[in-house]
Amino acid sequence: MQVEHQIKICSHHYQKWKSLALSAHTIEQTGNFLEKAFFWLELQTAFITLFTIEQSKGNDLKVSQKIILAKTNLSKKLTDYAKKILDEMKW
């Protein structure tokens, strides 16, 4: 997946959860929605940072290896987030 698409997805979800947080009726809802919004904002920032590093130092083998490791960690973070959301949806 192209990094521009990943950033766009993160931005979309951040905006959605931020909007829900601003219109929430209870403090618990607001906290829950803000937690999700900040997750997507953090993820977006990580993708932008990795993209910037990759563009500036992508030819360096050590840097490339670290970028791959960081992307792997982001994938794990997304998987954990998805699992958490699925658990919240269970009755």
Protein backbone atom coordinates (compact mmCIF):
# COMPACT_ATOMS: atom_id res chain seq x y z
CA MET A 1 0.00 0.00 0.00
CA GLN A 2 1.29 3.43 -0.90
CA VAL A 3 2.27 5.65 2.03
CA GLU A 4 -0.02 8.43 0.75
CA HIS A 5 -2.97 6.05 0.99
CA GLN A 6 -1.94 4.96 4.51
CA ILE A 7 -1.71 8.58 5.64
CA LYS A 8 -5.09 9.36 4.08
CA ILE A 9 -6.70 6.40 5.90
CA CYS A 10 -5.18 7.51 9.21
CA SER A 11 -6.36 11.07 8.67
CA HIS A 12 -9.89 9.92 7.82
CA HIS A 13 -10.17 7.79 10.97
CA TYR A 14 -8.63 10.50 13.14
CA GLN A 15 -11.16 13.05 11.90
CA LYS A 16 -14.02 10.59 12.42
CA TRP A 17 -13.08 9.77 16.04
CA LYS A 18 -12.27 13.40 16.86
CA SER A 19 -15.69 14.44 15.59
CA LEU A 20 -17.37 11.74 17.66
CA ALA A 21 -15.41 12.85 20.74
CA LEU A 22 -16.53 16.43 20.27
CA SER A 23 -20.18 15.38 20.02
CA ALA A 24 -20.13 12.74 22.79
CA HIS A 25 -22.65 12.99 25.59
CA THR A 26 -20.64 11.46 28.44
CA ILE A 27 -17.09 11.73 29.70
CA GLU A 28 -16.64 7.98 29.22
CA GLN A 29 -17.65 8.22 25.56
CA THR A 30 -15.41 11.23 25.05
CA GLY A 31 -12.44 9.39 26.56
CA ASN A 32 -13.06 6.30 24.47
CA PHE A 33 -13.39 8.29 21.26
CA LEU A 34 -10.33 10.43 22.02
CA GLU A 35 -8.27 7.32 22.69
CA LYS A 36 -9.13 6.06 19.20
CA ALA A 37 -8.51 9.48 17.63
CA PHE A 38 -5.08 9.74 19.21
CA PHE A 39 -4.23 6.22 18.06
CA TRP A 40 -4.87 7.22 14.44
CA LEU A 41 -3.02 10.53 14.84
CA GLU A 42 -0.01 8.72 16.30
CA LEU A 43 -0.09 6.18 13.47
CA GLN A 44 -0.32 8.95 10.86
CA THR A 45 2.66 10.73 12.40
CA ALA A 46 4.67 7.50 12.37
CA PHE A 47 3.92 6.89 8.67
CA ILE A 48 4.89 10.47 7.78
CA THR A 49 8.11 10.18 9.77
CA LEU A 50 9.05 6.85 8.20
CA PHE A 51 8.29 8.19 4.74
CA THR A 52 10.50 11.23 5.35
CA ILE A 53 13.37 9.10 6.64
CA GLU A 54 12.99 6.68 3.75
CA GLN A 55 13.13 9.52 1.23
CA SER A 56 16.20 11.11 2.77
CA LYS A 57 18.24 8.07 3.82
CA GLY A 58 16.58 5.16 2.01
CA ASN A 59 19.79 4.05 0.27
CA ASP A 60 21.55 3.27 3.54
CA LEU A 61 21.20 -0.47 4.30
CA LYS A 62 21.05 -0.02 8.10
CA VAL A 63 18.41 2.66 7.77
CA SER A 64 16.39 0.51 5.37
CA GLN A 65 16.48 -2.39 7.83
CA LYS A 66 15.31 -0.14 10.66
CA ILE A 67 12.50 1.22 8.49
CA ILE A 68 11.34 -2.33 7.72
CA LEU A 69 11.41 -3.14 11.44
CA ALA A 70 9.45 0.03 12.24
CA LYS A 71 6.83 -0.80 9.58
CA THR A 72 6.54 -4.29 11.06
CA ASN A 73 5.92 -2.76 14.48
CA LEU A 74 3.25 -0.47 13.00
CA SER A 75 1.56 -3.48 11.41
CA LYS A 76 1.56 -5.24 14.78
CA LYS A 77 0.10 -2.13 16.40
CA LEU A 78 -2.69 -2.08 13.80
CA THR A 79 -3.37 -5.77 14.38
CA ASP A 80 -3.60 -5.23 18.14
CA TYR A 81 -5.94 -2.28 17.56
CA ALA A 82 -8.17 -4.36 15.29
CA LYS A 83 -8.28 -7.14 17.88
CA LYS A 84 -9.24 -4.63 20.57
CA ILE A 85 -12.04 -3.21 18.42
CA LEU A 86 -13.35 -6.70 17.68
CA ASP A 87 -13.32 -7.52 21.39
CA GLU A 88 -15.30 -4.33 22.09
CA MET A 89 -17.89 -5.38 19.53
CA LYS A 90 -18.49 -8.76 21.19
CA TRP A 91 -21.55 -9.00 23.34
